[in-house]
Amino acid sequence: MTKNAKSYTDDTGRRKIKGNMDIELAVDALELAPHIDHAYIFSGDGDFTRVVHAMQRKGVRVSVVSSLATRPPMIADELRRQADELIDIKHLVDKIGRDPEARAERIRKRAEAEADAE
């Protein structure tokens, strides 16, 4: 699914771009609910609390992947309480994270290749 991002100017005059997919994701989740046993939501947005509750009423177990480790936490308290399980993303770093030094090395190599191409 694609959706055009909207741009606007904030109170300080800076141009911002926003792509909001909450409604589309909620509708898709509710359409899938009769066909699944477990859903994973990668968000901490409290707006998803109602859809989590609606899916649970349809018998779907819902896990939310977000973080309490950041300050402020990246998950709304009401969403955390509604979810069947909170998977803190900090516990996934060893499985899905990248080594920051490896990223720096890739950036350095890319810059060298671009310099050589000039």
PDB file of N, CA and C in Angstrom:
ATOM      1  N   MET A   1       0.846  -1.165   0.000  1.00  0.00           N
ATOM      2  CA  MET A   1       0.000   0.000   0.000  1.00  0.00           C
ATOM      3  C   MET A   1       0.895   1.233   0.000  1.00  0.00           C
ATOM      4  N   THR A   2       0.512   2.215  -0.747  1.00  0.00           N
ATOM      5  CA  THR A   2       1.235   3.475  -0.747  1.00  0.00           C
ATOM      6  C   THR A   2       0.261   4.604  -0.461  1.00  0.00           C
ATOM      7  N   LYS A   3       0.794   5.675   0.042  1.00  0.00           N
ATOM      8  CA  LYS A   3      -0.011   6.854   0.344  1.00  0.00           C
ATOM      9  C   LYS A   3       0.912   8.058   0.238  1.00  0.00           C
ATOM     10  N   ASN A   4       0.443   9.098  -0.403  1.00  0.00           N
ATOM     11  CA  ASN A   4       1.256  10.297  -0.535  1.00  0.00           C
ATOM     12  C   ASN A   4       1.449  10.957   0.825  1.00  0.00           C
ATOM     13  N   ALA A   5       2.672  11.389   1.068  1.00  0.00           N
ATOM     14  CA  ALA A   5       2.965  12.126   2.293  1.00  0.00           C
ATOM     15  C   ALA A   5       2.445  13.555   2.142  1.00  0.00           C
ATOM     16  N   LYS A   6       2.079  14.131   3.258  1.00  0.00           N
ATOM     17  CA  LYS A   6       1.605  15.520   3.249  1.00  0.00           C
ATOM     18  C   LYS A   6       2.694  16.409   3.813  1.00  0.00           C
ATOM     19  N   SER A   7       2.858  17.580   3.210  1.00  0.00           N
ATOM     20  CA  SER A   7       3.836  18.516   3.749  1.00  0.00           C
ATOM     21  C   SER A   7       3.097  19.732   4.304  1.00  0.00           C
ATOM     22  N   TYR A   8       3.679  20.305   5.336  1.00  0.00           N
ATOM     23  CA  TYR A   8       3.108  21.486   5.958  1.00  0.00           C
ATOM     24  C   TYR A   8       4.228  22.289   6.595  1.00  0.00           C
ATOM     25  N   THR A   9       3.926  23.511   6.971  1.00  0.00           N
ATOM     26  CA  THR A   9       4.893  24.370   7.647  1.00  0.00           C
ATOM     27  C   THR A   9       4.472  24.498   9.095  1.00  0.00           C
ATOM     28  N   ASP A  10       5.398  24.212  10.012  1.00  0.00           N
ATOM     29  CA  ASP A  10       5.053  24.275  11.433  1.00  0.00           C
ATOM     30  C   ASP A  10       5.100  25.717  11.938  1.00  0.00           C
ATOM     31  N   ASP A  11       4.848  25.898  13.231  1.00  0.00           N
ATOM     32  CA  ASP A  11       4.778  27.229  13.839  1.00  0.00           C
ATOM     33  C   ASP A  11       6.089  28.007  13.745  1.00  0.00           C
ATOM     34  N   THR A  12       7.204  27.287  13.614  1.00  0.00           N
ATOM     35  CA  THR A  12       8.496  27.967  13.535  1.00  0.00           C
ATOM     36  C   THR A  12       8.910  28.243  12.096  1.00  0.00           C
ATOM     37  N   GLY A  13       8.044  27.892  11.139  1.00  0.00           N
ATOM     38  CA  GLY A  13       8.336  28.141   9.737  1.00  0.00           C
ATOM     39  C   GLY A  13       9.089  27.025   9.046  1.00  0.00           C
ATOM     40  N   ARG A  14       9.343  25.914   9.754  1.00  0.00           N
ATOM     41  CA  ARG A  14      10.047  24.788   9.147  1.00  0.00           C
ATOM     42  C   ARG A  14       9.068  23.908   8.382  1.00  0.00           C
ATOM     43  N   ARG A  15       9.501  23.449   7.218  1.00  0.00           N
ATOM     44  CA  ARG A  15       8.677  22.560   6.402  1.00  0.00           C
ATOM     45  C   ARG A  15       8.777  21.149   6.964  1.00  0.00           C
ATOM     46  N   LYS A  16       7.643  20.529   7.192  1.00  0.00           N
ATOM     47  CA  LYS A  16       7.580  19.176   7.737  1.00  0.00           C
ATOM     48  C   LYS A  16       6.849  18.281   6.751  1.00  0.00           C
ATOM     49  N   ILE A  17       7.209  17.011   6.770  1.00  0.00           N
ATOM     50  CA  ILE A  17       6.535  16.019   5.939  1.00  0.00           C
ATOM     51  C   ILE A  17       5.976  14.949   6.866  1.00  0.00           C
ATOM     52  N   LYS A  18       4.708  14.618   6.639  1.00  0.00           N
ATOM     53  CA  LYS A  18       4.055  13.643   7.503  1.00  0.00           C
ATOM     54  C   LYS A  18       3.350  12.605   6.645  1.00  0.00           C
ATOM     55  N   GLY A  19       3.560  11.354   6.977  1.00  0.00           N
ATOM     56  CA  GLY A  19       2.866  10.251   6.309  1.00  0.00           C
ATOM     57  C   GLY A  19       2.111   9.461   7.349  1.00  0.00           C
ATOM     58  N   ASN A  20       0.816   9.629   7.439  1.00  0.00           N
ATOM     59  CA  ASN A  20       0.016   9.003   8.473  1.00  0.00           C
ATOM     60  C   ASN A  20      -0.745   7.816   7.893  1.00  0.00           C
ATOM     61  N   MET A  21      -0.484   6.625   8.414  1.00  0.00           N
ATOM     62  CA  MET A  21      -1.116   5.407   7.910  1.00  0.00           C
ATOM     63  C   MET A  21      -1.958   4.721   8.974  1.00  0.00           C
ATOM     64  N   ASP A  22      -2.255   5.391  10.085  1.00  0.00           N
ATOM     65  CA  ASP A  22      -2.951   4.746  11.197  1.00  0.00           C
ATOM     66  C   ASP A  22      -4.276   4.114  10.789  1.00  0.00           C
ATOM     67  N   ILE A  23      -5.108   4.838  10.075  1.00  0.00           N
ATOM     68  CA  ILE A  23      -6.427   4.317   9.708  1.00  0.00           C
ATOM     69  C   ILE A  23      -6.287   3.121   8.775  1.00  0.00           C
ATOM     70  N   GLU A  24      -5.414   3.229   7.796  1.00  0.00           N
ATOM     71  CA  GLU A  24      -5.215   2.131   6.856  1.00  0.00           C
ATOM     72  C   GLU A  24      -4.731   0.871   7.585  1.00  0.00           C
ATOM     73  N   LEU A  25      -3.788   1.035   8.505  1.00  0.00           N
ATOM     74  CA  LEU A  25      -3.276  -0.107   9.257  1.00  0.00           C
ATOM     75  C   LEU A  25      -4.352  -0.712  10.153  1.00  0.00           C
ATOM     76  N   ALA A  26      -5.164   0.126  10.775  1.00  0.00           N
ATOM     77  CA  ALA A  26      -6.233  -0.360  11.645  1.00  0.00           C
ATOM     78  C   ALA A  26      -7.266  -1.155  10.849  1.00  0.00           C
ATOM     79  N   VAL A  27      -7.665  -0.638   9.699  1.00  0.00           N
ATOM     80  CA  VAL A  27      -8.637  -1.345   8.857  1.00  0.00           C
ATOM     81  C   VAL A  27      -8.065  -2.681   8.407  1.00  0.00           C
ATOM     82  N   ASP A  28      -6.824  -2.688   7.941  1.00  0.00           N
ATOM     83  CA  ASP A  28      -6.188  -3.937   7.508  1.00  0.00           C
ATOM     84  C   ASP A  28      -6.129  -4.950   8.648  1.00  0.00           C
ATOM     85  N   ALA A  29      -5.766  -4.486   9.848  1.00  0.00           N
ATOM     86  CA  ALA A  29      -5.674  -5.378  11.004  1.00  0.00           C
ATOM     87  C   ALA A  29      -7.030  -6.008  11.315  1.00  0.00           C
ATOM     88  N   LEU A  30      -8.081  -5.216  11.279  1.00  0.00           N
ATOM     89  CA  LEU A  30      -9.417  -5.748  11.571  1.00  0.00           C
ATOM     90  C   LEU A  30      -9.894  -6.699  10.478  1.00  0.00           C
ATOM     91  N   GLU A  31      -9.516  -6.433   9.238  1.00  0.00           N
ATOM     92  CA  GLU A  31      -9.874  -7.354   8.159  1.00  0.00           C
ATOM     93  C   GLU A  31      -9.134  -8.684   8.289  1.00  0.00           C
ATOM     94  N   LEU A  32      -7.907  -8.648   8.802  1.00  0.00           N
ATOM     95  CA  LEU A  32      -7.117  -9.868   8.976  1.00  0.00           C
ATOM     96  C   LEU A  32      -7.513 -10.660  10.218  1.00  0.00           C
ATOM     97  N   ALA A  33      -8.099 -10.010  11.202  1.00  0.00           N
ATOM     98  CA  ALA A  33      -8.380 -10.620  12.504  1.00  0.00           C
ATOM     99  C   ALA A  33      -9.062 -11.990  12.426  1.00  0.00           C
ATOM    100  N   PRO A  34     -10.050 -12.194  11.564  1.00  0.00           N
ATOM    101  CA  PRO A  34     -10.690 -13.519  11.529  1.00  0.00           C
ATOM    102  C   PRO A  34      -9.779 -14.642  11.007  1.00  0.00           C
ATOM    103  N   HIS A  35      -8.642 -14.274  10.427  1.00  0.00           N
ATOM    104  CA  HIS A  35      -7.774 -15.250   9.779  1.00  0.00           C
ATOM    105  C   HIS A  35      -6.458 -15.494  10.511  1.00  0.00           C
ATOM    106  N   ILE A  36      -6.238 -14.817  11.631  1.00  0.00           N
ATOM    107  CA  ILE A  36      -4.960 -14.950  12.338  1.00  0.00           C
ATOM    108  C   ILE A  36      -5.185 -15.211  13.828  1.00  0.00           C
ATOM    109  N   ASP A  37      -4.163 -15.764  14.472  1.00  0.00           N
ATOM    110  CA  ASP A  37      -4.206 -16.019  15.916  1.00  0.00           C
ATOM    111  C   ASP A  37      -3.420 -14.980  16.703  1.00  0.00           C
ATOM    112  N   HIS A  38      -2.395 -14.414  16.049  1.00  0.00           N
ATOM    113  CA  HIS A  38      -1.475 -13.521  16.767  1.00  0.00           C
ATOM    114  C   HIS A  38      -1.036 -12.408  15.825  1.00  0.00           C
ATOM    115  N   ALA A  39      -1.094 -11.177  16.313  1.00  0.00           N
ATOM    116  CA  ALA A  39      -0.647 -10.021  15.530  1.00  0.00           C
ATOM    117  C   ALA A  39       0.476  -9.319  16.290  1.00  0.00           C
ATOM    118  N   TYR A  40       1.402  -8.763  15.530  1.00  0.00           N
ATOM    119  CA  TYR A  40       2.502  -7.974  16.085  1.00  0.00           C
ATOM    120  C   TYR A  40       2.389  -6.567  15.527  1.00  0.00           C
ATOM    121  N   ILE A  41       2.344  -5.604  16.413  1.00  0.00           N
ATOM    122  CA  ILE A  41       2.271  -4.206  16.007  1.00  0.00           C
ATOM    123  C   ILE A  41       3.581  -3.540  16.402  1.00  0.00           C
ATOM    124  N   PHE A  42       4.272  -2.992  15.420  1.00  0.00           N
ATOM    125  CA  PHE A  42       5.540  -2.306  15.656  1.00  0.00           C
ATOM    126  C   PHE A  42       5.250  -0.818  15.756  1.00  0.00           C
ATOM    127  N   SER A  43       4.775  -0.400  16.903  1.00  0.00           N
ATOM    128  CA  SER A  43       4.449   1.001  17.141  1.00  0.00           C
ATOM    129  C   SER A  43       4.208   1.188  18.625  1.00  0.00           C
ATOM    130  N   GLY A  44       4.388   2.400  19.087  1.00  0.00           N
ATOM    131  CA  GLY A  44       4.048   2.733  20.460  1.00  0.00           C
ATOM    132  C   GLY A  44       2.920   3.746  20.517  1.00  0.00           C
ATOM    133  N   ASP A  45       2.335   4.034  19.371  1.00  0.00           N
ATOM    134  CA  ASP A  45       1.303   5.053  19.241  1.00  0.00           C
ATOM    135  C   ASP A  45       0.030   4.630  19.963  1.00  0.00           C
ATOM    136  N   GLY A  46      -0.384   5.426  20.929  1.00  0.00           N
ATOM    137  CA  GLY A  46      -1.585   5.140  21.699  1.00  0.00           C
ATOM    138  C   GLY A  46      -2.846   5.090  20.865  1.00  0.00           C
ATOM    139  N   ASP A  47      -2.823   5.656  19.664  1.00  0.00           N
ATOM    140  CA  ASP A  47      -3.985   5.591  18.778  1.00  0.00           C
ATOM    141  C   ASP A  47      -4.331   4.149  18.408  1.00  0.00           C
ATOM    142  N   PHE A  48      -3.385   3.233  18.541  1.00  0.00           N
ATOM    143  CA  PHE A  48      -3.639   1.835  18.200  1.00  0.00           C
ATOM    144  C   PHE A  48      -4.309   1.056  19.336  1.00  0.00           C
ATOM    145  N   THR A  49      -4.508   1.669  20.487  1.00  0.00           N
ATOM    146  CA  THR A  49      -5.109   0.973  21.623  1.00  0.00           C
ATOM    147  C   THR A  49      -6.477   0.403  21.273  1.00  0.00           C
ATOM    148  N   ARG A  50      -7.308   1.185  20.611  1.00  0.00           N
ATOM    149  CA  ARG A  50      -8.657   0.713  20.261  1.00  0.00           C
ATOM    150  C   ARG A  50      -8.623  -0.448  19.279  1.00  0.00           C
ATOM    151  N   VAL A  51      -7.751  -0.408  18.296  1.00  0.00           N
ATOM    152  CA  VAL A  51      -7.697  -1.516  17.344  1.00  0.00           C
ATOM    153  C   VAL A  51      -7.156  -2.767  18.014  1.00  0.00           C
ATOM    154  N   VAL A  52      -6.210  -2.621  18.944  1.00  0.00           N
ATOM    155  CA  VAL A  52      -5.709  -3.774  19.694  1.00  0.00           C
ATOM    156  C   VAL A  52      -6.860  -4.407  20.467  1.00  0.00           C
ATOM    157  N   HIS A  53      -7.641  -3.590  21.147  1.00  0.00           N
ATOM    158  CA  HIS A  53      -8.784  -4.097  21.913  1.00  0.00           C
ATOM    159  C   HIS A  53      -9.793  -4.781  20.990  1.00  0.00           C
ATOM    160  N   ALA A  54     -10.089  -4.191  19.847  1.00  0.00           N
ATOM    161  CA  ALA A  54     -11.041  -4.774  18.899  1.00  0.00           C
ATOM    162  C   ALA A  54     -10.534  -6.127  18.392  1.00  0.00           C
ATOM    163  N   MET A  55      -9.242  -6.231  18.124  1.00  0.00           N
ATOM    164  CA  MET A  55      -8.690  -7.505  17.657  1.00  0.00           C
ATOM    165  C   MET A  55      -8.743  -8.557  18.760  1.00  0.00           C
ATOM    166  N   GLN A  56      -8.478  -8.144  19.992  1.00  0.00           N
ATOM    167  CA  GLN A  56      -8.541  -9.076  21.116  1.00  0.00           C
ATOM    168  C   GLN A  56      -9.965  -9.611  21.295  1.00  0.00           C
ATOM    169  N   ARG A  57     -10.964  -8.758  21.099  1.00  0.00           N
ATOM    170  CA  ARG A  57     -12.354  -9.205  21.195  1.00  0.00           C
ATOM    171  C   ARG A  57     -12.675 -10.251  20.128  1.00  0.00           C
ATOM    172  N   LYS A  58     -11.925 -10.239  19.033  1.00  0.00           N
ATOM    173  CA  LYS A  58     -12.113 -11.221  17.963  1.00  0.00           C
ATOM    174  C   LYS A  58     -11.240 -12.454  18.185  1.00  0.00           C
ATOM    175  N   GLY A  59     -10.581 -12.543  19.344  1.00  0.00           N
ATOM    176  CA  GLY A  59      -9.786 -13.708  19.696  1.00  0.00           C
ATOM    177  C   GLY A  59      -8.343 -13.672  19.265  1.00  0.00           C
ATOM    178  N   VAL A  60      -7.863 -12.527  18.825  1.00  0.00           N
ATOM    179  CA  VAL A  60      -6.474 -12.398  18.375  1.00  0.00           C
ATOM    180  C   VAL A  60      -5.599 -11.942  19.539  1.00  0.00           C
ATOM    181  N   ARG A  61      -4.495 -12.628  19.731  1.00  0.00           N
ATOM    182  CA  ARG A  61      -3.491 -12.204  20.710  1.00  0.00           C
ATOM    183  C   ARG A  61      -2.660 -11.118  20.037  1.00  0.00           C
ATOM    184  N   VAL A  62      -2.397 -10.018  20.753  1.00  0.00           N
ATOM    185  CA  VAL A  62      -1.678  -8.896  20.146  1.00  0.00           C
ATOM    186  C   VAL A  62      -0.432  -8.567  20.970  1.00  0.00           C
ATOM    187  N   SER A  63       0.721  -8.627  20.295  1.00  0.00           N
ATOM    188  CA  SER A  63       1.988  -8.217  20.890  1.00  0.00           C
ATOM    189  C   SER A  63       2.389  -6.890  20.273  1.00  0.00           C
ATOM    190  N   VAL A  64       2.876  -6.006  21.104  1.00  0.00           N
ATOM    191  CA  VAL A  64       3.335  -4.701  20.632  1.00  0.00           C
ATOM    192  C   VAL A  64       4.853  -4.653  20.784  1.00  0.00           C
ATOM    193  N   VAL A  65       5.523  -4.250  19.721  1.00  0.00           N
ATOM    194  CA  VAL A  65       6.975  -4.112  19.736  1.00  0.00           C
ATOM    195  C   VAL A  65       7.283  -2.623  19.767  1.00  0.00           C
ATOM    196  N   SER A  66       7.879  -2.182  20.868  1.00  0.00           N
ATOM    197  CA  SER A  66       8.229  -0.779  21.039  1.00  0.00           C
ATOM    198  C   SER A  66       9.309  -0.717  22.117  1.00  0.00           C
ATOM    199  N   SER A  67       9.385   0.399  22.861  1.00  0.00           N
ATOM    200  CA  SER A  67      10.429   0.488  23.881  1.00  0.00           C
ATOM    201  C   SER A  67      10.016   1.314  25.080  1.00  0.00           C
ATOM    202  N   LEU A  68      10.336   0.774  26.238  1.00  0.00           N
ATOM    203  CA  LEU A  68      10.235   1.516  27.496  1.00  0.00           C
ATOM    204  C   LEU A  68      11.607   2.052  27.906  1.00  0.00           C
ATOM    205  N   ALA A  69      12.654   1.600  27.219  1.00  0.00           N
ATOM    206  CA  ALA A  69      14.029   1.926  27.607  1.00  0.00           C
ATOM    207  C   ALA A  69      14.419   3.359  27.276  1.00  0.00           C
ATOM    208  N   THR A  70      13.715   4.001  26.356  1.00  0.00           N
ATOM    209  CA  THR A  70      14.060   5.364  25.981  1.00  0.00           C
ATOM    210  C   THR A  70      13.441   6.349  26.967  1.00  0.00           C
ATOM    211  N   ARG A  71      13.951   7.546  26.990  1.00  0.00           N
ATOM    212  CA  ARG A  71      13.380   8.609  27.830  1.00  0.00           C
ATOM    213  C   ARG A  71      12.995   9.756  26.942  1.00  0.00           C
ATOM    214  N   PRO A  72      11.729  10.064  26.731  1.00  0.00           N
ATOM    215  CA  PRO A  72      10.579   9.367  27.304  1.00  0.00           C
ATOM    216  C   PRO A  72      10.363   8.024  26.611  1.00  0.00           C
ATOM    217  N   PRO A  73       9.575   7.130  27.240  1.00  0.00           N
ATOM    218  CA  PRO A  73       9.282   5.836  26.608  1.00  0.00           C
ATOM    219  C   PRO A  73       8.629   6.033  25.245  1.00  0.00           C
ATOM    220  N   MET A  74       8.877   5.095  24.340  1.00  0.00           N
ATOM    221  CA  MET A  74       8.323   5.203  22.982  1.00  0.00           C
ATOM    222  C   MET A  74       6.986   4.483  22.852  1.00  0.00           C
ATOM    223  N   ILE A  75       6.367   4.152  23.965  1.00  0.00           N
ATOM    224  CA  ILE A  75       5.071   3.485  23.920  1.00  0.00           C
ATOM    225  C   ILE A  75       4.113   4.192  24.870  1.00  0.00           C
ATOM    226  N   ALA A  76       2.915   4.444  24.378  1.00  0.00           N
ATOM    227  CA  ALA A  76       1.890   5.060  25.207  1.00  0.00           C
ATOM    228  C   ALA A  76       1.480   4.069  26.295  1.00  0.00           C
ATOM    229  N   ASP A  77       1.273   4.570  27.492  1.00  0.00           N
ATOM    230  CA  ASP A  77       0.947   3.713  28.621  1.00  0.00           C
ATOM    231  C   ASP A  77      -0.322   2.899  28.370  1.00  0.00           C
ATOM    232  N   GLU A  78      -1.340   3.515  27.760  1.00  0.00           N
ATOM    233  CA  GLU A  78      -2.592   2.790  27.517  1.00  0.00           C
ATOM    234  C   GLU A  78      -2.403   1.651  26.512  1.00  0.00           C
ATOM    235  N   LEU A  79      -1.526   1.824  25.528  1.00  0.00           N
ATOM    236  CA  LEU A  79      -1.247   0.756  24.568  1.00  0.00           C
ATOM    237  C   LEU A  79      -0.491  -0.373  25.251  1.00  0.00           C
ATOM    238  N   ARG A  80       0.469  -0.025  26.077  1.00  0.00           N
ATOM    239  CA  ARG A  80       1.240  -1.034  26.816  1.00  0.00           C
ATOM    240  C   ARG A  80       0.327  -1.886  27.692  1.00  0.00           C
ATOM    241  N   ARG A  81      -0.609  -1.231  28.372  1.00  0.00           N
ATOM    242  CA  ARG A  81      -1.530  -1.961  29.246  1.00  0.00           C
ATOM    243  C   ARG A  81      -2.503  -2.832  28.462  1.00  0.00           C
ATOM    244  N   GLN A  82      -2.899  -2.399  27.266  1.00  0.00           N
ATOM    245  CA  GLN A  82      -3.882  -3.145  26.474  1.00  0.00           C
ATOM    246  C   GLN A  82      -3.273  -4.365  25.793  1.00  0.00           C
ATOM    247  N   ALA A  83      -2.023  -4.271  25.404  1.00  0.00           N
ATOM    248  CA  ALA A  83      -1.380  -5.364  24.666  1.00  0.00           C
ATOM    249  C   ALA A  83      -1.294  -6.624  25.515  1.00  0.00           C
ATOM    250  N   ASP A  84      -1.356  -7.769  24.851  1.00  0.00           N
ATOM    251  CA  ASP A  84      -1.151  -9.033  25.555  1.00  0.00           C
ATOM    252  C   ASP A  84       0.304  -9.181  25.975  1.00  0.00           C
ATOM    253  N   GLU A  85       1.184  -8.582  25.197  1.00  0.00           N
ATOM    254  CA  GLU A  85       2.612  -8.676  25.466  1.00  0.00           C
ATOM    255  C   GLU A  85       3.310  -7.449  24.893  1.00  0.00           C
ATOM    256  N   LEU A  86       4.269  -6.919  25.649  1.00  0.00           N
ATOM    257  CA  LEU A  86       5.149  -5.868  25.133  1.00  0.00           C
ATOM    258  C   LEU A  86       6.505  -6.507  24.893  1.00  0.00           C
ATOM    259  N   ILE A  87       6.976  -6.392  23.684  1.00  0.00           N
ATOM    260  CA  ILE A  87       8.321  -6.849  23.358  1.00  0.00           C
ATOM    261  C   ILE A  87       9.163  -5.590  23.230  1.00  0.00           C
ATOM    262  N   ASP A  88      10.057  -5.386  24.176  1.00  0.00           N
ATOM    263  CA  ASP A  88      10.901  -4.187  24.134  1.00  0.00           C
ATOM    264  C   ASP A  88      11.956  -4.386  23.063  1.00  0.00           C
ATOM    265  N   ILE A  89      12.015  -3.449  22.144  1.00  0.00           N
ATOM    266  CA  ILE A  89      12.919  -3.576  21.002  1.00  0.00           C
ATOM    267  C   ILE A  89      14.379  -3.685  21.435  1.00  0.00           C
ATOM    268  N   LYS A  90      14.699  -3.196  22.629  1.00  0.00           N
ATOM    269  CA  LYS A  90      16.090  -3.315  23.097  1.00  0.00           C
ATOM    270  C   LYS A  90      16.495  -4.780  23.250  1.00  0.00           C
ATOM    271  N   HIS A  91      15.515  -5.666  23.473  1.00  0.00           N
ATOM    272  CA  HIS A  91      15.818  -7.090  23.592  1.00  0.00           C
ATOM    273  C   HIS A  91      16.031  -7.750  22.230  1.00  0.00           C
ATOM    274  N   LEU A  92      15.724  -7.038  21.157  1.00  0.00           N
ATOM    275  CA  LEU A  92      15.896  -7.580  19.812  1.00  0.00           C
ATOM    276  C   LEU A  92      17.186  -7.118  19.151  1.00  0.00           C
ATOM    277  N   VAL A  93      17.913  -6.231  19.796  1.00  0.00           N
ATOM    278  CA  VAL A  93      19.119  -5.652  19.193  1.00  0.00           C
ATOM    279  C   VAL A  93      20.104  -6.730  18.751  1.00  0.00           C
ATOM    280  N   ASP A  94      20.312  -7.748  19.593  1.00  0.00           N
ATOM    281  CA  ASP A  94      21.260  -8.809  19.226  1.00  0.00           C
ATOM    282  C   ASP A  94      20.799  -9.593  18.007  1.00  0.00           C
ATOM    283  N   LYS A  95      19.483  -9.636  17.772  1.00  0.00           N
ATOM    284  CA  LYS A  95      18.943 -10.415  16.665  1.00  0.00           C
ATOM    285  C   LYS A  95      18.790  -9.601  15.386  1.00  0.00           C
ATOM    286  N   ILE A  96      18.426  -8.317  15.513  1.00  0.00           N
ATOM    287  CA  ILE A  96      18.136  -7.536  14.315  1.00  0.00           C
ATOM    288  C   ILE A  96      18.971  -6.264  14.184  1.00  0.00           C
ATOM    289  N   GLY A  97      19.737  -5.932  15.214  1.00  0.00           N
ATOM    290  CA  GLY A  97      20.510  -4.688  15.199  1.00  0.00           C
ATOM    291  C   GLY A  97      21.748  -4.774  14.326  1.00  0.00           C
ATOM    292  N   ARG A  98      22.242  -3.613  13.972  1.00  0.00           N
ATOM    293  CA  ARG A  98      23.483  -3.516  13.200  1.00  0.00           C
ATOM    294  C   ARG A  98      24.568  -2.936  14.091  1.00  0.00           C
ATOM    295  N   ASP A  99      25.776  -3.360  13.834  1.00  0.00           N
ATOM    296  CA  ASP A  99      26.936  -2.837  14.545  1.00  0.00           C
ATOM    297  C   ASP A  99      27.193  -1.408  14.058  1.00  0.00           C
ATOM    298  N   PRO A 100      27.177  -0.404  14.955  1.00  0.00           N
ATOM    299  CA  PRO A 100      27.403   0.976  14.522  1.00  0.00           C
ATOM    300  C   PRO A 100      28.750   1.171  13.822  1.00  0.00           C
ATOM    301  N   GLU A 101      29.752   0.410  14.221  1.00  0.00           N
ATOM    302  CA  GLU A 101      31.055   0.525  13.567  1.00  0.00           C
ATOM    303  C   GLU A 101      30.993   0.020  12.132  1.00  0.00           C
ATOM    304  N   ALA A 102      30.202  -1.023  11.892  1.00  0.00           N
ATOM    305  CA  ALA A 102      30.051  -1.542  10.527  1.00  0.00           C
ATOM    306  C   ALA A 102      29.369  -0.497   9.653  1.00  0.00           C
ATOM    307  N   ARG A 103      28.407   0.233  10.207  1.00  0.00           N
ATOM    308  CA  ARG A 103      27.733   1.290   9.453  1.00  0.00           C
ATOM    309  C   ARG A 103      28.723   2.399   9.093  1.00  0.00           C
ATOM    310  N   ALA A 104      29.542   2.789  10.047  1.00  0.00           N
ATOM    311  CA  ALA A 104      30.538   3.831   9.791  1.00  0.00           C
ATOM    312  C   ALA A 104      31.501   3.389   8.691  1.00  0.00           C
ATOM    313  N   GLU A 105      31.868   2.112   8.697  1.00  0.00           N
ATOM    314  CA  GLU A 105      32.768   1.582   7.657  1.00  0.00           C
ATOM    315  C   GLU A 105      32.096   1.622   6.288  1.00  0.00           C
ATOM    316  N   ARG A 106      30.811   1.265   6.206  1.00  0.00           N
ATOM    317  CA  ARG A 106      30.094   1.320   4.921  1.00  0.00           C
ATOM    318  C   ARG A 106      30.028   2.750   4.409  1.00  0.00           C
ATOM    319  N   ILE A 107      29.785   3.703   5.282  1.00  0.00           N
ATOM    320  CA  ILE A 107      29.711   5.116   4.888  1.00  0.00           C
ATOM    321  C   ILE A 107      31.074   5.584   4.373  1.00  0.00           C
ATOM    322  N   ARG A 108      32.141   5.195   5.082  1.00  0.00           N
ATOM    323  CA  ARG A 108      33.493   5.577   4.671  1.00  0.00           C
ATOM    324  C   ARG A 108      33.821   5.020   3.287  1.00  0.00           C
ATOM    325  N   LYS A 109      33.486   3.750   3.053  1.00  0.00           N
ATOM    326  CA  LYS A 109      33.765   3.124   1.756  1.00  0.00           C
ATOM    327  C   LYS A 109      32.958   3.776   0.648  1.00  0.00           C
ATOM    328  N   ARG A 110      31.716   4.120   0.929  1.00  0.00           N
ATOM    329  CA  ARG A 110      30.872   4.775  -0.072  1.00  0.00           C
ATOM    330  C   ARG A 110      31.464   6.135  -0.436  1.00  0.00           C
ATOM    331  N   ALA A 111      31.921   6.880   0.572  1.00  0.00           N
ATOM    332  CA  ALA A 111      32.509   8.204   0.325  1.00  0.00           C
ATOM    333  C   ALA A 111      33.789   8.064  -0.506  1.00  0.00           C
ATOM    334  N   GLU A 112      34.588   7.048  -0.202  1.00  0.00           N
ATOM    335  CA  GLU A 112      35.815   6.823  -0.981  1.00  0.00           C
ATOM    336  C   GLU A 112      35.480   6.487  -2.439  1.00  0.00           C
ATOM    337  N   ALA A 113      34.469   5.627  -2.640  1.00  0.00           N
ATOM    338  CA  ALA A 113      34.083   5.257  -3.999  1.00  0.00           C
ATOM    339  C   ALA A 113      33.565   6.452  -4.777  1.00  0.00           C
ATOM    340  N   GLU A 114      32.810   7.320  -4.122  1.00  0.00           N
ATOM    341  CA  GLU A 114      32.299   8.529  -4.774  1.00  0.00           C
ATOM    342  C   GLU A 114      33.442   9.478  -5.121  1.00  0.00           C
ATOM    343  N   ALA A 115      34.415   9.590  -4.215  1.00  0.00           N
ATOM    344  CA  ALA A 115      35.569  10.457  -4.472  1.00  0.00           C
ATOM    345  C   ALA A 115      36.391   9.922  -5.643  1.00  0.00           C
ATOM    346  N   ASP A 116      36.546   8.602  -5.717  1.00  0.00           N
ATOM    347  CA  ASP A 116      37.291   7.982  -6.829  1.00  0.00           C
ATOM    348  C   ASP A 116      36.572   8.177  -8.160  1.00  0.00           C
ATOM    349  N   ALA A 117      35.240   8.213  -8.113  1.00  0.00           N
ATOM    350  CA  ALA A 117      34.451   8.353  -9.340  1.00  0.00           C
ATOM    351  C   ALA A 117      34.535   9.775  -9.909  1.00  0.00           C
ATOM    352  N   GLU A 118      34.879  10.725  -9.093  1.00  0.00           N
ATOM    353  CA  GLU A 118      34.962  12.134  -9.536  1.00  0.00           C
ATOM    354  C   GLU A 118      36.232  12.331 -10.247  1.00  0.00           C
TER     355      GLU A 118
END
